[in-house]
Amino acid sequence: MKYKLTKETKDYFGVTLHRIEALKDFGDVSKGDKGGFIEKEDNLSQEDDAWVYGDAQVSGNARVYGDAQVYGNAWVYGNARVYGDAWVSGNARVYGNAWVYGNAWVYGDAWVYGNAWVYGNAWVSELKCETGSYFGYREEGEEVTELEQSDGGIVLVKDYEAPEDEVDDKIEEAMELLKSKGYKIIKE
């Protein structure tokens, strides 16, 4: 085990959250360091270097794992996932079925929720990313699929190796949803 739940708690809308404490050195965390608040051990992996810092909170069925970091006053809750090398910080909120992964950063006052995914090298700050919104940038020479929106905007979807089998199904489902909402594929 890399951490334990301490007796220090706080109430978050009727849910008791426990401050965590590191039981060993890992990543940039030292044995004895106090972390943020989680509802239960299922919220933060006991493996890898994932950590919740400061006053950040993770609750519900949300999970933080891999080398992901949640800090500041950030909240991750619902069925959200934060993993890989992703960072969620500041006053950011990630909730619902949202996923933040890869090298993505969600910070400031940004909200990512619903079924939104933020991944790759995307940075999201100071905005609300609703269901079906995807943000990122394309590096030179990077292969992407461009989806033209009915309002003339473009959504870039980067091809990548899926971290889990279910991701392929979610991508296919998301592409079909985008097509049904009036988006058309202009490059594959």
N, C-alpha and C. Protein backbone atom coordinates (compact mmCIF):
# COMPACT_ATOMS: atom_id res chain seq x y z
N MET A 1 0.84 -1.20 0.00
CA MET A 1 0.00 0.00 0.00
C MET A 1 0.88 1.25 0.00
N LYS A 2 0.47 2.24 -0.76
CA LYS A 2 1.27 3.46 -0.81
C LYS A 2 0.68 4.58 0.05
N TYR A 3 -0.60 4.46 0.44
CA TYR A 3 -1.21 5.51 1.27
C TYR A 3 -2.28 4.89 2.17
N LYS A 4 -2.72 5.71 3.13
CA LYS A 4 -3.84 5.32 3.99
C LYS A 4 -4.79 6.49 4.13
N LEU A 5 -6.00 6.19 4.53
CA LEU A 5 -6.98 7.23 4.86
C LEU A 5 -6.72 7.64 6.30
N THR A 6 -6.65 8.94 6.56
CA THR A 6 -6.42 9.41 7.92
C THR A 6 -7.76 9.68 8.61
N LYS A 7 -7.69 10.04 9.87
CA LYS A 7 -8.90 10.39 10.63
C LYS A 7 -9.37 11.81 10.33
N GLU A 8 -8.52 12.59 9.65
CA GLU A 8 -8.93 13.95 9.28
C GLU A 8 -9.95 13.85 8.14
N THR A 9 -11.13 14.38 8.38
CA THR A 9 -12.21 14.29 7.39
C THR A 9 -12.84 15.66 7.15
N LYS A 10 -13.59 15.73 6.06
CA LYS A 10 -14.44 16.88 5.80
C LYS A 10 -15.68 16.40 5.07
N ASP A 11 -16.76 17.10 5.27
CA ASP A 11 -18.02 16.74 4.65
C ASP A 11 -18.18 17.50 3.34
N TYR A 12 -18.52 16.78 2.28
CA TYR A 12 -18.72 17.37 0.96
C TYR A 12 -20.11 16.95 0.50
N PHE A 13 -21.08 17.83 0.67
CA PHE A 13 -22.46 17.56 0.29
C PHE A 13 -22.95 16.22 0.84
N GLY A 14 -22.70 15.98 2.12
CA GLY A 14 -23.18 14.77 2.77
C GLY A 14 -22.27 13.56 2.61
N VAL A 15 -21.16 13.71 1.92
CA VAL A 15 -20.21 12.61 1.72
C VAL A 15 -18.97 12.90 2.57
N THR A 16 -18.54 11.93 3.34
CA THR A 16 -17.35 12.10 4.17
C THR A 16 -16.11 11.80 3.34
N LEU A 17 -15.21 12.77 3.29
CA LEU A 17 -13.94 12.62 2.58
C LEU A 17 -12.82 12.53 3.61
N HIS A 18 -11.83 11.70 3.32
CA HIS A 18 -10.71 11.47 4.23
C HIS A 18 -9.42 11.99 3.62
N ARG A 19 -8.64 12.71 4.42
CA ARG A 19 -7.31 13.10 3.95
C ARG A 19 -6.46 11.84 3.85
N ILE A 20 -5.57 11.82 2.85
CA ILE A 20 -4.70 10.67 2.67
C ILE A 20 -3.29 10.99 3.18
N GLU A 21 -2.56 9.93 3.51
CA GLU A 21 -1.17 10.08 3.97
C GLU A 21 -0.33 9.00 3.30
N ALA A 22 0.81 9.40 2.76
CA ALA A 22 1.71 8.46 2.07
C ALA A 22 2.37 7.52 3.09
N LEU A 23 2.41 6.24 2.74
CA LEU A 23 3.04 5.24 3.59
C LEU A 23 4.44 4.87 3.11
N LYS A 24 4.80 5.39 1.93
CA LYS A 24 6.13 5.13 1.38
C LYS A 24 6.48 6.24 0.39
N ASP A 25 7.74 6.29 -0.01
CA ASP A 25 8.19 7.25 -1.03
C ASP A 25 7.81 6.75 -2.42
N PHE A 26 7.31 7.64 -3.26
CA PHE A 26 7.04 7.33 -4.67
C PHE A 26 6.90 8.66 -5.40
N GLY A 27 7.29 8.67 -6.69
CA GLY A 27 7.20 9.92 -7.46
C GLY A 27 7.85 11.05 -6.69
N ASP A 28 7.12 12.18 -6.55
CA ASP A 28 7.63 13.30 -5.77
C ASP A 28 7.00 13.36 -4.38
N VAL A 29 6.42 12.24 -3.95
CA VAL A 29 5.76 12.14 -2.64
C VAL A 29 6.67 11.37 -1.70
N SER A 30 6.79 11.88 -0.47
CA SER A 30 7.61 11.21 0.54
C SER A 30 6.73 10.56 1.60
N LYS A 31 7.24 9.50 2.18
CA LYS A 31 6.53 8.83 3.27
C LYS A 31 6.13 9.86 4.32
N GLY A 32 4.88 9.84 4.75
CA GLY A 32 4.39 10.78 5.77
C GLY A 32 3.73 12.02 5.19
N ASP A 33 3.94 12.30 3.88
CA ASP A 33 3.28 13.46 3.26
C ASP A 33 1.77 13.30 3.32
N LYS A 34 1.11 14.39 3.68
CA LYS A 34 -0.36 14.41 3.65
C LYS A 34 -0.79 14.82 2.25
N GLY A 35 -1.82 14.17 1.76
CA GLY A 35 -2.36 14.49 0.45
C GLY A 35 -3.69 15.18 0.57
N GLY A 36 -4.47 15.11 -0.49
CA GLY A 36 -5.80 15.70 -0.52
C GLY A 36 -6.81 14.77 0.12
N PHE A 37 -8.05 14.88 -0.35
CA PHE A 37 -9.16 14.15 0.25
C PHE A 37 -9.80 13.19 -0.75
N ILE A 38 -10.07 11.97 -0.30
CA ILE A 38 -10.80 11.00 -1.12
C ILE A 38 -11.91 10.38 -0.27
N GLU A 39 -12.93 9.89 -0.95
CA GLU A 39 -14.03 9.25 -0.23
C GLU A 39 -13.66 7.84 0.21
N LYS A 40 -12.99 7.10 -0.68
CA LYS A 40 -12.67 5.69 -0.42
C LYS A 40 -11.44 5.29 -1.21
N GLU A 41 -10.86 4.17 -0.86
CA GLU A 41 -9.63 3.73 -1.52
C GLU A 41 -9.81 3.48 -3.01
N ASP A 42 -11.01 3.15 -3.44
CA ASP A 42 -11.25 2.95 -4.88
C ASP A 42 -11.02 4.22 -5.69
N ASN A 43 -11.01 5.39 -5.06
CA ASN A 43 -10.84 6.65 -5.78
C ASN A 43 -9.40 6.90 -6.24
N LEU A 44 -8.42 6.30 -5.57
CA LEU A 44 -7.01 6.55 -5.88
C LEU A 44 -6.25 5.22 -5.87
N SER A 45 -5.59 4.93 -6.97
CA SER A 45 -4.85 3.68 -7.09
C SER A 45 -3.76 3.58 -6.02
N GLN A 46 -3.58 2.38 -5.53
CA GLN A 46 -2.49 2.10 -4.60
C GLN A 46 -1.22 1.78 -5.38
N GLU A 47 -1.30 1.71 -6.69
CA GLU A 47 -0.17 1.40 -7.56
C GLU A 47 0.32 2.69 -8.23
N ASP A 48 1.39 2.58 -8.99
CA ASP A 48 1.92 3.69 -9.79
C ASP A 48 2.22 4.92 -8.93
N ASP A 49 2.25 6.11 -9.54
CA ASP A 49 2.60 7.34 -8.83
C ASP A 49 1.45 8.34 -8.74
N ALA A 50 0.24 7.93 -9.06
CA ALA A 50 -0.90 8.84 -8.97
C ALA A 50 -1.03 9.38 -7.55
N TRP A 51 -1.45 10.68 -7.45
CA TRP A 51 -1.59 11.29 -6.12
C TRP A 51 -2.59 12.42 -6.16
N VAL A 52 -3.22 12.63 -5.02
CA VAL A 52 -4.14 13.75 -4.81
C VAL A 52 -3.48 14.65 -3.78
N TYR A 53 -3.25 15.92 -4.13
CA TYR A 53 -2.50 16.86 -3.30
C TYR A 53 -3.41 17.90 -2.65
N GLY A 54 -2.86 18.57 -1.62
CA GLY A 54 -3.47 19.76 -1.03
C GLY A 54 -4.90 19.57 -0.61
N ASP A 55 -5.79 20.44 -1.11
CA ASP A 55 -7.21 20.37 -0.77
C ASP A 55 -8.04 19.76 -1.89
N ALA A 56 -7.40 19.14 -2.86
CA ALA A 56 -8.12 18.50 -3.96
C ALA A 56 -8.97 17.35 -3.41
N GLN A 57 -10.07 17.04 -4.13
CA GLN A 57 -11.01 16.04 -3.68
C GLN A 57 -11.37 15.07 -4.81
N VAL A 58 -11.49 13.79 -4.46
CA VAL A 58 -11.94 12.76 -5.40
C VAL A 58 -13.00 11.93 -4.67
N SER A 59 -14.16 11.75 -5.31
CA SER A 59 -15.25 11.04 -4.64
C SER A 59 -16.14 10.32 -5.64
N GLY A 60 -17.18 9.67 -5.10
CA GLY A 60 -18.10 8.90 -5.93
C GLY A 60 -17.38 7.69 -6.50
N ASN A 61 -17.63 7.40 -7.77
CA ASN A 61 -16.95 6.30 -8.44
C ASN A 61 -15.76 6.78 -9.26
N ALA A 62 -15.35 8.02 -9.06
CA ALA A 62 -14.21 8.58 -9.80
C ALA A 62 -12.94 7.84 -9.44
N ARG A 63 -12.01 7.75 -10.42
CA ARG A 63 -10.74 7.07 -10.21
C ARG A 63 -9.59 7.90 -10.72
N VAL A 64 -8.51 7.94 -9.95
CA VAL A 64 -7.26 8.59 -10.34
C VAL A 64 -6.19 7.50 -10.29
N TYR A 65 -5.49 7.31 -11.41
CA TYR A 65 -4.50 6.22 -11.45
C TYR A 65 -3.42 6.52 -12.48
N GLY A 66 -2.49 5.57 -12.64
CA GLY A 66 -1.33 5.80 -13.49
C GLY A 66 -0.39 6.76 -12.78
N ASP A 67 0.05 7.80 -13.46
CA ASP A 67 0.90 8.83 -12.85
C ASP A 67 0.16 10.15 -12.77
N ALA A 68 -1.16 10.10 -12.79
CA ALA A 68 -1.99 11.31 -12.78
C ALA A 68 -1.86 12.07 -11.46
N GLN A 69 -2.09 13.38 -11.53
CA GLN A 69 -2.01 14.24 -10.35
C GLN A 69 -3.25 15.12 -10.29
N VAL A 70 -3.83 15.23 -9.10
CA VAL A 70 -4.96 16.12 -8.85
C VAL A 70 -4.55 17.00 -7.68
N TYR A 71 -4.61 18.31 -7.86
CA TYR A 71 -4.15 19.18 -6.78
C TYR A 71 -4.85 20.52 -6.78
N GLY A 72 -4.42 21.40 -5.85
CA GLY A 72 -5.11 22.68 -5.68
C GLY A 72 -6.44 22.45 -5.02
N ASN A 73 -7.49 23.08 -5.55
CA ASN A 73 -8.85 22.89 -5.06
C ASN A 73 -9.68 22.09 -6.05
N ALA A 74 -9.03 21.32 -6.90
CA ALA A 74 -9.74 20.57 -7.94
C ALA A 74 -10.64 19.51 -7.34
N TRP A 75 -11.74 19.23 -8.05
CA TRP A 75 -12.67 18.17 -7.66
C TRP A 75 -12.82 17.20 -8.81
N VAL A 76 -12.73 15.91 -8.52
CA VAL A 76 -12.97 14.85 -9.48
C VAL A 76 -14.03 13.95 -8.85
N TYR A 77 -15.15 13.77 -9.53
CA TYR A 77 -16.23 12.99 -8.91
C TYR A 77 -17.14 12.38 -9.97
N GLY A 78 -18.19 11.69 -9.50
CA GLY A 78 -19.08 10.97 -10.41
C GLY A 78 -18.37 9.71 -10.87
N ASN A 79 -18.38 9.46 -12.18
CA ASN A 79 -17.70 8.31 -12.76
C ASN A 79 -16.46 8.72 -13.53
N ALA A 80 -15.94 9.90 -13.25
CA ALA A 80 -14.80 10.45 -14.00
C ALA A 80 -13.54 9.61 -13.83
N ARG A 81 -12.66 9.69 -14.83
CA ARG A 81 -11.37 9.02 -14.79
C ARG A 81 -10.28 10.02 -15.11
N VAL A 82 -9.22 10.02 -14.32
CA VAL A 82 -8.04 10.84 -14.57
C VAL A 82 -6.86 9.87 -14.48
N TYR A 83 -6.11 9.74 -15.58
CA TYR A 83 -5.05 8.73 -15.59
C TYR A 83 -3.97 9.08 -16.59
N GLY A 84 -2.99 8.18 -16.69
CA GLY A 84 -1.82 8.46 -17.51
C GLY A 84 -0.96 9.48 -16.79
N ASP A 85 -0.51 10.50 -17.51
CA ASP A 85 0.27 11.59 -16.91
C ASP A 85 -0.56 12.86 -16.78
N ALA A 86 -1.87 12.72 -16.75
CA ALA A 86 -2.78 13.88 -16.72
C ALA A 86 -2.69 14.63 -15.40
N TRP A 87 -2.96 15.95 -15.49
CA TRP A 87 -3.01 16.83 -14.32
C TRP A 87 -4.35 17.53 -14.29
N VAL A 88 -4.95 17.60 -13.10
CA VAL A 88 -6.16 18.39 -12.87
C VAL A 88 -5.84 19.28 -11.69
N SER A 89 -5.97 20.60 -11.86
CA SER A 89 -5.53 21.50 -10.79
C SER A 89 -6.35 22.78 -10.74
N GLY A 90 -5.94 23.65 -9.83
CA GLY A 90 -6.65 24.92 -9.65
C GLY A 90 -8.02 24.67 -9.07
N ASN A 91 -9.04 25.32 -9.63
CA ASN A 91 -10.42 25.11 -9.22
C ASN A 91 -11.17 24.25 -10.22
N ALA A 92 -10.45 23.47 -11.00
CA ALA A 92 -11.05 22.66 -12.07
C ALA A 92 -12.00 21.61 -11.49
N ARG A 93 -12.98 21.24 -12.31
CA ARG A 93 -13.93 20.18 -11.98
C ARG A 93 -13.94 19.18 -13.12
N VAL A 94 -13.83 17.90 -12.80
CA VAL A 94 -13.96 16.81 -13.77
C VAL A 94 -14.98 15.86 -13.18
N TYR A 95 -16.10 15.66 -13.90
CA TYR A 95 -17.16 14.84 -13.32
C TYR A 95 -18.04 14.22 -14.39
N GLY A 96 -19.06 13.49 -13.92
CA GLY A 96 -19.90 12.74 -14.85
C GLY A 96 -19.10 11.55 -15.34
N ASN A 97 -19.13 11.32 -16.64
CA ASN A 97 -18.38 10.22 -17.25
C ASN A 97 -17.14 10.73 -17.99
N ALA A 98 -16.68 11.90 -17.63
CA ALA A 98 -15.55 12.53 -18.32
C ALA A 98 -14.25 11.78 -18.05
N TRP A 99 -13.37 11.78 -19.06
CA TRP A 99 -12.04 11.18 -18.95
C TRP A 99 -11.01 12.24 -19.28
N VAL A 100 -9.96 12.31 -18.45
CA VAL A 100 -8.81 13.16 -18.71
C VAL A 100 -7.60 12.24 -18.64
N TYR A 101 -6.84 12.15 -19.74
CA TYR A 101 -5.74 11.19 -19.75
C TYR A 101 -4.66 11.58 -20.73
N GLY A 102 -3.63 10.74 -20.81
CA GLY A 102 -2.46 11.08 -21.63
C GLY A 102 -1.66 12.13 -20.90
N ASN A 103 -1.25 13.17 -21.61
CA ASN A 103 -0.51 14.29 -21.00
C ASN A 103 -1.41 15.51 -20.83
N ALA A 104 -2.70 15.31 -20.82
CA ALA A 104 -3.66 16.42 -20.77
C ALA A 104 -3.62 17.14 -19.42
N TRP A 105 -3.88 18.45 -19.47
CA TRP A 105 -3.99 19.28 -18.27
C TRP A 105 -5.35 19.95 -18.29
N VAL A 106 -6.05 19.89 -17.17
CA VAL A 106 -7.29 20.64 -16.96
C VAL A 106 -7.03 21.49 -15.74
N TYR A 107 -7.14 22.81 -15.88
CA TYR A 107 -6.73 23.68 -14.78
C TYR A 107 -7.51 24.98 -14.78
N GLY A 108 -7.17 25.84 -13.81
CA GLY A 108 -7.89 27.11 -13.68
C GLY A 108 -9.30 26.82 -13.20
N ASP A 109 -10.28 27.46 -13.85
CA ASP A 109 -11.68 27.27 -13.50
C ASP A 109 -12.41 26.39 -14.51
N ALA A 110 -11.67 25.55 -15.23
CA ALA A 110 -12.26 24.70 -16.27
C ALA A 110 -13.15 23.61 -15.66
N TRP A 111 -14.22 23.29 -16.38
CA TRP A 111 -15.10 22.18 -16.03
C TRP A 111 -15.13 21.22 -17.20
N VAL A 112 -14.89 19.94 -16.94
CA VAL A 112 -14.99 18.91 -17.96
C VAL A 112 -15.99 17.89 -17.43
N TYR A 113 -17.07 17.66 -18.18
CA TYR A 113 -18.13 16.81 -17.64
C TYR A 113 -18.93 16.13 -18.73
N GLY A 114 -19.95 15.38 -18.30
CA GLY A 114 -20.74 14.60 -19.25
C GLY A 114 -19.88 13.46 -19.76
N ASN A 115 -19.86 13.28 -21.08
CA ASN A 115 -19.06 12.22 -21.70
C ASN A 115 -17.83 12.78 -22.39
N ALA A 116 -17.39 13.96 -21.99
CA ALA A 116 -16.24 14.60 -22.64
C ALA A 116 -14.94 13.88 -22.32
N TRP A 117 -14.03 13.90 -23.30
CA TRP A 117 -12.69 13.34 -23.14
C TRP A 117 -11.69 14.43 -23.45
N VAL A 118 -10.69 14.58 -22.60
CA VAL A 118 -9.58 15.49 -22.85
C VAL A 118 -8.33 14.62 -22.77
N TYR A 119 -7.54 14.60 -23.86
CA TYR A 119 -6.44 13.65 -23.89
C TYR A 119 -5.32 14.14 -24.80
N GLY A 120 -4.29 13.29 -24.93
CA GLY A 120 -3.14 13.68 -25.72
C GLY A 120 -2.38 14.77 -24.98
N ASN A 121 -2.03 15.84 -25.69
CA ASN A 121 -1.32 16.96 -25.08
C ASN A 121 -2.24 18.16 -24.88
N ALA A 122 -3.54 17.92 -24.77
CA ALA A 122 -4.52 19.01 -24.64
C ALA A 122 -4.39 19.73 -23.31
N TRP A 123 -4.63 21.03 -23.34
CA TRP A 123 -4.70 21.87 -22.14
C TRP A 123 -6.05 22.57 -22.16
N VAL A 124 -6.79 22.46 -21.07
CA VAL A 124 -8.10 23.11 -20.98
C VAL A 124 -8.09 23.98 -19.74
N SER A 125 -8.41 25.27 -19.94
CA SER A 125 -8.42 26.22 -18.83
C SER A 125 -9.52 27.25 -19.05
N GLU A 126 -10.16 27.64 -17.99
CA GLU A 126 -11.12 28.75 -18.01
C GLU A 126 -12.32 28.53 -18.92
N LEU A 127 -12.76 27.30 -19.12
CA LEU A 127 -13.96 27.08 -19.91
C LEU A 127 -14.65 25.82 -19.45
N LYS A 128 -15.87 25.66 -19.91
CA LYS A 128 -16.64 24.48 -19.58
C LYS A 128 -16.71 23.58 -20.80
N CYS A 129 -16.24 22.36 -20.67
CA CYS A 129 -16.17 21.39 -21.76
C CYS A 129 -17.34 20.42 -21.58
N GLU A 130 -18.41 20.63 -22.33
CA GLU A 130 -19.62 19.85 -22.15
C GLU A 130 -19.56 18.53 -22.89
N THR A 131 -20.60 17.74 -22.71
CA THR A 131 -20.71 16.45 -23.38
C THR A 131 -20.37 16.57 -24.84
N GLY A 132 -19.45 15.72 -25.29
CA GLY A 132 -19.11 15.68 -26.70
C GLY A 132 -18.11 16.72 -27.14
N SER A 133 -17.57 17.50 -26.25
CA SER A 133 -16.57 18.50 -26.63
C SER A 133 -15.19 17.90 -26.46
N TYR A 134 -14.32 18.16 -27.44
CA TYR A 134 -12.97 17.61 -27.41
C TYR A 134 -11.99 18.74 -27.69
N PHE A 135 -10.93 18.84 -26.92
CA PHE A 135 -9.98 19.92 -27.09
C PHE A 135 -8.57 19.38 -27.16
N GLY A 136 -7.75 19.98 -27.99
CA GLY A 136 -6.37 19.57 -28.09
C GLY A 136 -5.69 20.34 -29.19
N TYR A 137 -4.48 19.97 -29.53
CA TYR A 137 -3.80 20.58 -30.65
C TYR A 137 -3.05 19.48 -31.40
N ARG A 138 -2.73 19.77 -32.64
CA ARG A 138 -2.04 18.78 -33.46
C ARG A 138 -0.59 19.19 -33.59
N GLU A 139 0.30 18.25 -33.27
CA GLU A 139 1.72 18.49 -33.46
C GLU A 139 2.05 18.28 -34.93
N GLU A 140 3.08 18.94 -35.41
CA GLU A 140 3.47 18.82 -36.81
C GLU A 140 3.69 17.36 -37.18
N GLY A 141 3.08 16.94 -38.30
CA GLY A 141 3.22 15.59 -38.79
C GLY A 141 2.33 14.56 -38.11
N GLU A 142 1.53 14.97 -37.14
CA GLU A 142 0.69 14.04 -36.41
C GLU A 142 -0.56 13.69 -37.23
N GLU A 143 -0.91 12.40 -37.28
CA GLU A 143 -2.08 11.94 -38.00
C GLU A 143 -3.34 12.19 -37.17
N VAL A 144 -4.34 12.87 -37.74
CA VAL A 144 -5.60 13.11 -37.05
C VAL A 144 -6.76 12.97 -38.04
N THR A 145 -7.94 12.75 -37.48
CA THR A 145 -9.17 12.77 -38.26
C THR A 145 -9.82 14.12 -37.99
N GLU A 146 -10.18 14.84 -39.06
CA GLU A 146 -10.84 16.14 -38.91
C GLU A 146 -12.33 15.96 -39.10
N LEU A 147 -13.11 16.41 -38.13
CA LEU A 147 -14.56 16.34 -38.22
C LEU A 147 -15.08 17.77 -38.38
N GLU A 148 -15.80 18.03 -39.47
CA GLU A 148 -16.36 19.36 -39.69
C GLU A 148 -17.72 19.45 -39.01
N GLN A 149 -17.91 20.48 -38.18
CA GLN A 149 -19.16 20.68 -37.50
C GLN A 149 -20.13 21.43 -38.40
N SER A 150 -21.42 21.34 -38.09
CA SER A 150 -22.43 22.03 -38.89
C SER A 150 -22.24 23.54 -38.84
N ASP A 151 -21.59 24.07 -37.80
CA ASP A 151 -21.35 25.51 -37.71
C ASP A 151 -20.04 25.93 -38.37
N GLY A 152 -19.37 24.98 -39.04
CA GLY A 152 -18.12 25.29 -39.74
C GLY A 152 -16.87 25.03 -38.93
N GLY A 153 -17.00 24.75 -37.63
CA GLY A 153 -15.85 24.46 -36.80
C GLY A 153 -15.27 23.09 -37.13
N ILE A 154 -14.07 22.83 -36.67
CA ILE A 154 -13.38 21.56 -36.91
C ILE A 154 -13.04 20.92 -35.57
N VAL A 155 -13.29 19.63 -35.46
CA VAL A 155 -12.88 18.85 -34.31
C VAL A 155 -11.79 17.90 -34.80
N LEU A 156 -10.64 17.88 -34.12
CA LEU A 156 -9.54 16.98 -34.47
C LEU A 156 -9.56 15.79 -33.52
N VAL A 157 -9.55 14.58 -34.08
CA VAL A 157 -9.52 13.37 -33.27
C VAL A 157 -8.23 12.64 -33.62
N LYS A 158 -7.37 12.50 -32.64
CA LYS A 158 -6.06 11.89 -32.85
C LYS A 158 -6.17 10.37 -32.76
N ASP A 159 -5.55 9.69 -33.71
CA ASP A 159 -5.48 8.23 -33.65
C ASP A 159 -4.42 7.86 -32.62
N TYR A 160 -4.69 6.85 -31.84
CA TYR A 160 -3.75 6.44 -30.80
C TYR A 160 -4.00 4.99 -30.44
N GLU A 161 -3.08 4.41 -29.68
CA GLU A 161 -3.26 3.05 -29.20
C GLU A 161 -4.10 3.11 -27.94
N ALA A 162 -5.20 2.41 -27.95
CA ALA A 162 -6.15 2.46 -26.84
C ALA A 162 -5.54 1.91 -25.56
N PRO A 163 -5.70 2.61 -24.42
CA PRO A 163 -5.17 2.11 -23.16
C PRO A 163 -5.98 0.94 -22.61
N GLU A 164 -7.24 0.81 -23.02
CA GLU A 164 -8.10 -0.27 -22.55
C GLU A 164 -8.97 -0.71 -23.72
N ASP A 165 -9.43 -1.96 -23.71
CA ASP A 165 -10.27 -2.47 -24.79
C ASP A 165 -11.53 -1.64 -24.98
N GLU A 166 -12.12 -1.16 -23.87
CA GLU A 166 -13.38 -0.44 -23.99
C GLU A 166 -13.22 0.92 -24.66
N VAL A 167 -12.03 1.45 -24.73
CA VAL A 167 -11.82 2.76 -25.35
C VAL A 167 -12.17 2.71 -26.83
N ASP A 168 -11.79 1.63 -27.52
CA ASP A 168 -12.12 1.50 -28.94
C ASP A 168 -13.62 1.60 -29.16
N ASP A 169 -14.39 0.93 -28.30
CA ASP A 169 -15.84 0.99 -28.42
C ASP A 169 -16.35 2.40 -28.17
N LYS A 170 -15.76 3.10 -27.19
CA LYS A 170 -16.19 4.46 -26.89
C LYS A 170 -15.87 5.41 -28.05
N ILE A 171 -14.74 5.23 -28.69
CA ILE A 171 -14.39 6.08 -29.82
C ILE A 171 -15.38 5.87 -30.96
N GLU A 172 -15.65 4.60 -31.25
CA GLU A 172 -16.60 4.29 -32.32
C GLU A 172 -17.98 4.87 -31.99
N GLU A 173 -18.40 4.73 -30.74
CA GLU A 173 -19.68 5.27 -30.29
C GLU A 173 -19.70 6.80 -30.41
N ALA A 174 -18.60 7.44 -30.02
CA ALA A 174 -18.51 8.90 -30.10
C ALA A 174 -18.55 9.37 -31.55
N MET A 175 -17.86 8.66 -32.46
CA MET A 175 -17.86 9.03 -33.87
C MET A 175 -19.27 8.94 -34.43
N GLU A 176 -20.00 7.88 -34.10
CA GLU A 176 -21.38 7.72 -34.57
C GLU A 176 -22.27 8.83 -34.02
N LEU A 177 -22.07 9.17 -32.74
CA LEU A 177 -22.85 10.26 -32.14
C LEU A 177 -22.56 11.58 -32.85
N LEU A 178 -21.28 11.86 -33.11
CA LEU A 178 -20.92 13.08 -33.81
C LEU A 178 -21.56 13.13 -35.20
N LYS A 179 -21.53 12.01 -35.91
CA LYS A 179 -22.15 11.95 -37.24
C LYS A 179 -23.65 12.22 -37.15
N SER A 180 -24.31 11.64 -36.13
CA SER A 180 -25.75 11.82 -35.98
C SER A 180 -26.12 13.25 -35.60
N LYS A 181 -25.17 14.00 -35.07
CA LYS A 181 -25.40 15.40 -34.67
C LYS A 181 -25.06 16.39 -35.77
N GLY A 182 -24.76 15.88 -36.98
CA GLY A 182 -24.51 16.78 -38.09
C GLY A 182 -23.04 17.00 -38.41
N TYR A 183 -22.12 16.34 -37.73
CA TYR A 183 -20.72 16.44 -38.05
C TYR A 183 -20.44 15.55 -39.25
N LYS A 184 -19.54 15.93 -40.12
CA LYS A 184 -19.18 15.03 -41.21
C LYS A 184 -17.67 14.85 -41.22
N ILE A 185 -17.27 13.67 -41.57
CA ILE A 185 -15.84 13.37 -41.63
C ILE A 185 -15.30 13.93 -42.92
N ILE A 186 -14.28 14.81 -42.85
CA ILE A 186 -13.72 15.38 -44.06
C ILE A 186 -12.34 14.82 -44.37
N LYS A 187 -11.78 14.07 -43.42
CA LYS A 187 -10.48 13.42 -43.64
C LYS A 187 -10.36 12.26 -42.67
N GLU A 188 -9.95 11.11 -43.16
CA GLU A 188 -9.76 9.96 -42.27
C GLU A 188 -8.32 9.53 -42.29
